[in-house]
Protein backbone atom coordinates (compact mmCIF):
# COMPACT_ATOMS: atom_id res chain seq x y z
CA UNK A 1 -12.88 16.35 13.70
CA UNK A 2 -12.09 12.66 13.81
CA UNK A 3 -14.63 10.50 15.60
CA UNK A 4 -13.36 7.40 17.29
CA UNK A 5 -15.05 4.02 17.13
CA UNK A 6 -15.41 2.02 20.31
CA UNK A 7 -13.45 -1.17 19.88
CA UNK A 8 -14.18 -4.53 21.47
CA UNK A 9 -10.98 -6.46 22.03
CA UNK A 10 -11.14 -10.12 22.94
CA UNK A 11 -14.65 -10.51 24.11
CA UNK A 12 -16.53 -13.54 23.16
CA UNK A 13 -17.11 -10.80 21.50
CA UNK A 14 -16.68 -7.83 23.62
CA UNK A 15 -14.82 -4.97 24.69
CA UNK A 16 -13.73 -1.56 25.59
CA UNK A 17 -12.52 1.41 23.69
CA UNK A 18 -11.63 5.03 23.79
CA UNK A 19 -14.30 7.59 23.16
CA UNK A 20 -13.31 10.84 21.46
CA UNK A 21 -10.67 12.61 23.49
CA UNK A 22 -9.52 9.54 25.41
CA UNK A 23 -5.89 8.55 25.39
CA UNK A 24 -4.59 5.79 23.08
CA UNK A 25 -5.41 2.40 24.45
CA UNK A 26 -3.84 -0.93 25.23
CA UNK A 27 -5.25 -4.40 25.02
CA UNK A 28 -6.83 -5.83 28.14
CA UNK A 29 -7.28 -9.44 29.15
CA UNK A 30 -10.35 -11.21 27.79
CA UNK A 31 -11.66 -8.18 26.10
CA UNK A 32 -11.13 -4.52 25.89
CA UNK A 33 -8.87 -1.60 25.43
CA UNK A 34 -7.24 -0.04 28.46
CA UNK A 35 -5.95 3.50 28.45
CA UNK A 36 -2.31 4.26 29.21
CA UNK A 37 -1.78 5.62 32.71
CA UNK A 38 -0.93 9.22 33.55
CA UNK A 39 2.74 8.42 33.81
CA UNK A 40 2.75 7.57 30.15
CA UNK A 41 3.26 3.82 30.38
CA UNK A 42 2.75 2.03 27.10
CA UNK A 43 1.25 -1.24 26.01
CA UNK A 44 3.44 -4.32 26.33
CA UNK A 45 5.25 -5.10 23.13
CA UNK A 46 4.37 -8.22 21.23
CA UNK A 47 6.93 -10.91 21.94
CA UNK A 48 5.91 -13.43 19.32
CA UNK A 49 6.10 -16.09 22.04
CA UNK A 50 3.69 -18.80 20.84
CA UNK A 51 3.06 -20.03 24.38
CA UNK A 52 1.22 -16.89 25.44
CA UNK A 53 1.45 -14.80 28.62
CA UNK A 54 0.90 -17.69 31.02
CA UNK A 55 3.35 -20.00 29.29
CA UNK A 56 0.51 -22.14 27.96
CA UNK A 57 -1.75 -21.96 24.93
CA UNK A 58 -5.13 -20.31 25.27
CA UNK A 59 -6.54 -18.00 27.94
CA UNK A 60 -5.40 -19.15 31.36
CA UNK A 61 -8.16 -17.07 33.00
CA UNK A 62 -11.04 -18.90 31.35
CA UNK A 63 -12.83 -21.44 33.50
CA UNK A 64 -12.34 -25.06 32.47
CA UNK A 65 -15.55 -26.43 30.93
CA UNK A 66 -17.66 -28.80 33.04
CA UNK A 67 -18.50 -30.67 29.83
CA UNK A 68 -15.48 -31.22 27.57
CA UNK A 69 -16.18 -29.63 24.19
CA UNK A 70 -15.89 -31.71 21.04
CA UNK A 71 -12.90 -31.56 18.79
CA UNK A 72 -9.23 -31.72 19.63
CA UNK A 73 -8.94 -28.25 21.15
CA UNK A 74 -10.72 -25.14 22.40
CA UNK A 75 -9.46 -21.54 22.14
CA UNK A 76 -5.92 -22.73 21.32
CA UNK A 77 -5.81 -24.82 24.49
CA UNK A 78 -4.84 -28.42 23.99
CA UNK A 79 -2.49 -27.69 21.08
CA UNK A 80 1.28 -27.65 21.44
CA UNK A 81 1.26 -25.44 18.35
CA UNK A 82 -1.09 -22.86 19.96
CA UNK A 83 -3.07 -23.13 16.72
CA UNK A 84 -6.57 -24.50 17.27
CA UNK A 85 -8.17 -24.37 13.85
CA UNK A 86 -11.81 -23.44 14.47
CA UNK A 87 -14.36 -20.92 13.22
CA UNK A 88 -16.77 -20.69 16.17
CA UNK A 89 -16.56 -20.33 19.94
CA UNK A 90 -20.10 -20.68 21.34
CA UNK A 91 -21.03 -23.42 20.89
CA UNK A 92 -17.59 -24.88 20.15
CA UNK A 93 -17.11 -26.71 16.89
CA UNK A 94 -16.79 -30.47 16.81
CA UNK A 95 -14.40 -30.08 13.89
CA UNK A 96 -11.79 -28.08 15.83
CA UNK A 97 -8.35 -29.55 15.24
CA UNK A 98 -4.78 -28.69 16.15
CA UNK A 99 -2.89 -27.35 13.14
CA UNK A 100 0.72 -26.60 12.46
CA UNK A 101 1.73 -23.01 13.12
CA UNK A 102 2.57 -20.69 10.26
CA UNK A 103 5.90 -18.99 9.74
CA UNK A 104 7.44 -17.34 12.78
CA UNK A 105 5.56 -14.18 13.75
CA UNK A 106 2.47 -14.90 11.66
CA UNK A 107 -1.08 -14.98 12.99
CA UNK A 108 -3.71 -17.12 11.33
CA UNK A 109 -7.19 -15.65 11.75
CA UNK A 110 -10.26 -17.85 11.36
CA UNK A 111 -13.74 -16.66 12.35
CA UNK A 112 -17.40 -16.49 11.43
CA UNK A 113 -19.32 -13.25 10.97
CA UNK A 114 -22.72 -13.42 12.66
CA UNK A 115 -25.69 -11.07 12.72
CA UNK A 116 -26.60 -9.89 16.21
CA UNK A 117 -28.47 -11.13 18.11
CA UNK A 118 -29.58 -14.37 16.45
CA UNK A 119 -26.12 -15.48 15.30
CA UNK A 120 -27.27 -15.82 11.69
CA UNK A 121 -24.22 -16.34 9.51
CA UNK A 122 -23.33 -13.51 7.13
CA UNK A 123 -22.01 -14.72 3.74
CA UNK A 124 -20.33 -12.36 1.30
CA UNK A 125 -19.53 -9.66 3.87
CA UNK A 126 -16.36 -7.58 3.65
CA UNK A 127 -13.99 -7.94 6.60
CA UNK A 128 -11.22 -5.50 7.42
CA UNK A 129 -8.46 -6.23 9.93
CA UNK A 130 -6.84 -3.27 11.66
CA UNK A 131 -4.16 -2.45 14.16
CA UNK A 132 -6.14 -1.45 17.23
CA UNK A 133 -3.78 1.46 17.90
CA UNK A 134 -4.40 2.96 14.45
CA UNK A 135 -8.16 2.85 14.83
CA UNK A 136 -8.02 4.17 18.39
CA UNK A 137 -5.91 7.17 17.36
CA UNK A 138 -7.17 7.96 13.85
CA UNK A 139 -10.72 6.63 13.95
CA UNK A 140 -12.41 4.15 11.67
CA UNK A 141 -12.68 6.61 8.80
CA UNK A 142 -8.95 7.32 8.60
CA UNK A 143 -7.21 4.15 9.77
CA UNK A 144 -5.84 1.87 7.07
CA UNK A 145 -6.54 -1.87 7.28
CA UNK A 146 -3.64 -4.28 7.31
CA UNK A 147 -5.70 -6.95 5.53
CA UNK A 148 -9.07 -7.32 3.85
CA UNK A 149 -11.10 -10.33 2.86
CA UNK A 150 -14.72 -11.47 2.61
CA UNK A 151 -16.77 -14.21 4.20
CA UNK A 152 -17.62 -17.35 2.26
CA UNK A 153 -21.03 -18.99 1.90
CA UNK A 154 -20.82 -20.21 5.50
CA UNK A 155 -19.99 -16.73 6.81
CA UNK A 156 -16.39 -17.75 7.48
CA UNK A 157 -13.12 -16.05 6.70
CA UNK A 158 -9.54 -17.27 6.90
CA UNK A 159 -6.42 -15.16 6.45
CA UNK A 160 -2.88 -14.82 7.70
CA UNK A 161 -1.17 -11.63 8.81
CA UNK A 162 2.09 -10.55 10.40
CA UNK A 163 0.89 -8.60 13.46
CA UNK A 164 3.12 -5.83 14.80
CA UNK A 165 0.64 -3.78 16.82
CA UNK A 166 1.39 -3.68 20.54
CA UNK A 167 -2.30 -3.36 21.43
CA UNK A 168 -4.08 -5.97 19.36
CA UNK A 169 -5.75 -6.84 16.08
CA UNK A 170 -9.42 -6.11 15.42
CA UNK A 171 -11.96 -6.99 12.76
CA UNK A 172 -14.35 -4.27 11.60
CA UNK A 173 -17.48 -5.15 9.67
CA UNK A 174 -19.19 -2.44 7.63
CA UNK A 175 -22.21 -3.52 5.60
CA UNK A 176 -25.31 -1.84 4.25
CA UNK A 177 -28.03 -1.78 6.87
CA UNK A 178 -25.62 -2.45 9.72
CA UNK A 179 -23.81 -0.21 12.20
CA UNK A 180 -20.00 -0.43 11.93
CA UNK A 181 -19.07 -3.07 14.48
CA UNK A 182 -15.64 -3.98 15.77
CA UNK A 183 -14.57 -7.22 17.38
CA UNK A 184 -11.22 -8.07 18.87
CA UNK A 185 -9.37 -10.99 17.33
CA UNK A 186 -6.09 -11.30 19.24
CA UNK A 187 -3.82 -9.40 21.58
CA UNK A 188 -0.07 -9.65 22.20
CA UNK A 189 1.83 -11.71 22.91
CA UNK A 190 0.34 -13.25 19.78
CA UNK A 191 -0.15 -16.97 19.51
CA UNK A 192 -0.15 -18.80 16.19
CA UNK A 193 -3.93 -18.37 15.87
CA UNK A 194 -6.53 -15.84 17.02
CA UNK A 195 -8.50 -16.25 20.24
CA UNK A 196 -11.94 -14.93 19.22
CA UNK A 197 -13.91 -16.59 16.42
CA UNK A 198 -17.47 -15.25 16.86
CA UNK A 199 -17.52 -11.84 15.12
CA UNK A 200 -20.85 -10.00 15.38
CA UNK A 201 -22.31 -7.18 13.28
CA UNK A 202 -25.32 -5.22 14.53
CA UNK A 203 -28.24 -4.16 12.26
CA UNK A 204 -29.23 -0.50 12.32
CA UNK A 205 -32.85 -1.61 12.74
CA UNK A 206 -31.96 -3.47 15.94
CA UNK A 207 -30.21 -0.42 17.36
CA UNK A 208 -33.13 1.81 16.43
CA UNK A 209 -35.67 -0.51 18.06
CA UNK A 210 -33.59 -0.76 21.22
CA UNK A 211 -33.12 3.02 21.35
CA UNK A 212 -36.86 3.62 20.95
CA UNK A 213 -37.66 1.15 23.72
CA UNK A 214 -35.07 2.71 26.03
CA UNK A 215 -36.15 6.28 25.31
CA UNK A 216 -38.95 6.06 27.88
CA UNK A 217 -36.33 5.79 30.64
CA UNK A 218 -35.26 9.34 31.66
CA UNK A 219 -32.07 8.02 33.26
CA UNK A 220 -30.78 7.12 29.79
CA UNK A 221 -31.41 10.40 27.99
CA UNK A 222 -27.72 11.34 27.82
CA UNK A 223 -26.76 7.93 26.40
CA UNK A 224 -29.11 7.59 23.44
CA UNK A 225 -29.52 6.85 20.61
CA UNK A 226 -27.38 3.75 20.62
CA UNK A 227 -24.57 3.89 18.11
CA UNK A 228 -24.66 7.66 17.67
CA UNK A 229 -23.97 7.97 21.40
CA UNK A 230 -21.95 4.77 21.64
CA UNK A 231 -23.21 2.05 23.92
CA UNK A 232 -22.82 -1.71 24.20
CA UNK A 233 -25.22 -4.47 23.23
CA UNK A 234 -24.62 -8.03 24.25
CA UNK A 235 -26.07 -11.41 24.94
CA UNK A 236 -25.50 -14.12 27.49
CA UNK A 237 -25.25 -17.53 25.84
CA UNK A 238 -24.84 -21.01 27.22
CA UNK A 239 -21.26 -22.06 26.60
CA UNK A 240 -22.25 -25.49 25.33
CA UNK A 241 -25.40 -24.84 23.29
CA UNK A 242 -25.18 -21.18 22.28
CA UNK A 243 -28.75 -20.66 23.57
CA UNK A 244 -29.61 -17.44 25.46
CA UNK A 245 -29.67 -17.65 29.25
CA UNK A 246 -32.38 -16.04 31.40
CA UNK A 247 -32.21 -14.91 35.03
CA UNK A 248 -28.77 -13.33 34.93
CA UNK A 249 -27.59 -9.96 36.17
CA UNK A 250 -24.60 -8.20 34.64
CA UNK A 251 -22.37 -6.94 37.45
CA UNK A 252 -19.18 -4.91 37.55
CA UNK A 253 -16.15 -6.88 38.65
CA UNK A 254 -14.10 -3.68 38.68
CA UNK A 255 -16.34 -1.31 40.63
CA UNK A 256 -18.96 -3.53 42.20
CA UNK A 257 -22.18 -1.81 43.27
CA UNK A 258 -20.40 1.55 42.96
CA UNK A 259 -20.28 1.32 39.18
CA UNK A 260 -21.60 4.24 37.13
CA UNK A 261 -22.56 1.87 34.33
CA UNK A 262 -26.23 1.39 33.56
CA UNK A 263 -27.54 -2.02 32.54
CA UNK A 264 -30.93 -2.73 31.01
CA UNK A 265 -32.31 -6.14 30.01
CA UNK A 266 -34.47 -6.86 26.97
CA UNK A 267 -37.76 -8.46 28.02
CA UNK A 268 -39.70 -10.91 25.88
CA UNK A 269 -42.18 -8.20 24.89
CA UNK A 270 -39.51 -5.86 23.49
CA UNK A 271 -39.35 -3.52 26.48
CA UNK A 272 -36.36 -3.11 28.77
CA UNK A 273 -36.18 -3.66 32.52
CA UNK A 274 -33.51 -3.34 35.20
CA UNK A 275 -34.23 -6.79 36.64
CA UNK A 276 -32.33 -9.60 34.87
CA UNK A 277 -32.00 -11.24 31.49
CA UNK A 278 -35.16 -12.70 30.05
CA UNK A 279 -35.33 -15.62 27.66
CA UNK A 280 -33.75 -13.31 25.07
CA UNK A 281 -30.50 -13.23 27.06
CA UNK A 282 -29.92 -9.69 25.69
CA UNK A 283 -28.74 -6.64 27.61
CA UNK A 284 -27.65 -3.09 26.89
CA UNK A 285 -24.76 -1.56 28.80
CA UNK A 286 -24.38 2.22 28.97
CA UNK A 287 -21.78 4.53 30.51
CA UNK A 288 -19.17 1.94 31.57
CA UNK A 289 -15.82 3.20 32.77
CA UNK A 290 -12.90 2.66 30.43
CA UNK A 291 -11.71 -0.94 30.73
CA UNK A 292 -14.35 -1.74 33.36
CA UNK A 293 -14.83 -5.49 33.69
CA UNK A 294 -18.24 -7.16 33.87
CA UNK A 295 -19.46 -10.64 34.74
CA UNK A 296 -22.77 -12.48 34.75
CA UNK A 297 -24.27 -13.45 38.08
CA UNK A 298 -26.97 -16.00 38.87
CA UNK A 299 -28.37 -16.23 42.40
CA UNK A 300 -25.23 -14.62 43.78
CA UNK A 301 -22.86 -16.90 41.88
CA UNK A 302 -20.63 -15.80 38.99
CA UNK A 303 -21.48 -18.02 36.03
CA UNK A 304 -19.68 -16.31 33.13
CA UNK A 305 -16.57 -18.17 32.04
CA UNK A 306 -14.48 -15.03 32.43
CA UNK A 307 -14.92 -11.29 32.94
CA UNK A 308 -15.11 -9.10 29.85
CA UNK A 309 -14.24 -5.43 29.60
CA UNK A 310 -16.51 -2.79 28.15
CA UNK A 311 -16.43 0.85 27.16
CA UNK A 312 -18.53 3.19 25.08
CA UNK A 313 -17.92 5.64 22.26
CA UNK A 314 -19.48 6.94 19.07
CA UNK A 315 -20.11 6.42 16.19
CA UNK A 316 -19.84 2.66 16.37
CA UNK A 317 -21.49 0.02 18.44
CA UNK A 318 -19.89 -3.07 19.84
CA UNK A 319 -20.92 -6.18 21.66
CA UNK A 320 -19.95 -7.71 24.96
CA UNK A 321 -21.22 -11.26 24.75
CA UNK A 322 -20.72 -13.40 27.83
CA UNK A 323 -20.27 -17.15 27.66
CA UNK A 324 -22.21 -18.76 30.51
CA UNK A 325 -20.98 -21.92 32.19
CA UNK A 326 -24.30 -23.50 33.16
CA UNK A 327 -24.90 -27.22 32.97
CA UNK A 328 -27.32 -27.74 30.06
CA UNK A 329 -28.67 -30.86 31.77
CA UNK A 330 -27.28 -33.32 29.29
CA UNK A 331 -24.21 -33.57 27.11
CA UNK A 332 -25.16 -31.50 24.02
CA UNK A 333 -22.23 -32.93 22.09
CA UNK A 334 -23.37 -36.55 22.15
């Protein structure tokens, strides 16, 4: 029997995917895979329009930064070419520049592979790029990548593909000692460059430690161990500094307090609570509905730059990292 990997699509790195037995999925806004409806509607076809769905470059749903990031552009915004050449999202790179687009229909992918949760760069790691539809239907073991490469000494990779998938393109990282981890790169209509540049891979030891700490909670028995039973790990990071943010609650934008999802927060001592993020900024999300959107809340105010979608499925793990728009107190880019 084929086992399907949960796929994060377009989260700063986050996501939603089909568990075994779910229908094929379609790409959602700012992260995730959405299932087709009962009437059999299909994902929108890629148009190749470089201006994106809102007629402008970048994600029109992302909140404008209170402190302008360095560089010429951010997430393809600010470039007539819709090609913001950058390798990181949080914090944004000062070296981001607008580049000329490639040939018509091509997608340039630039990103950095990072170890969760400390964002340590991962040099010399194999990277496979897949059609999201193929992985959703056939599973990670049977799907064929459309491109492969490896990270350089700075943990970066840079390649160009001709995307045709009507759901999206995903990067899957498989390395010794790590759980297979998928991160969304871009969704149709494809711009000249990808939207997500922080690609995380999760160590097996981290998953094991989290599972052991969560095992004392009887409400989670049906959702453990992480990875084998799916699940989401994520972190809330300050948009401008990349530092973890404490005092946040992860809330469902889709279902509100009626959500069936279970959120637990990693405390400083390695235990988990149901209170709010600690100084680790790390949370675990279990049993989300397919394509359910989540945000970060602080004192009743939404502080995440945009909602991200999450889902759960074995045998992989994926992240839903939220970028938090909190004033760091001073301009970190000066």
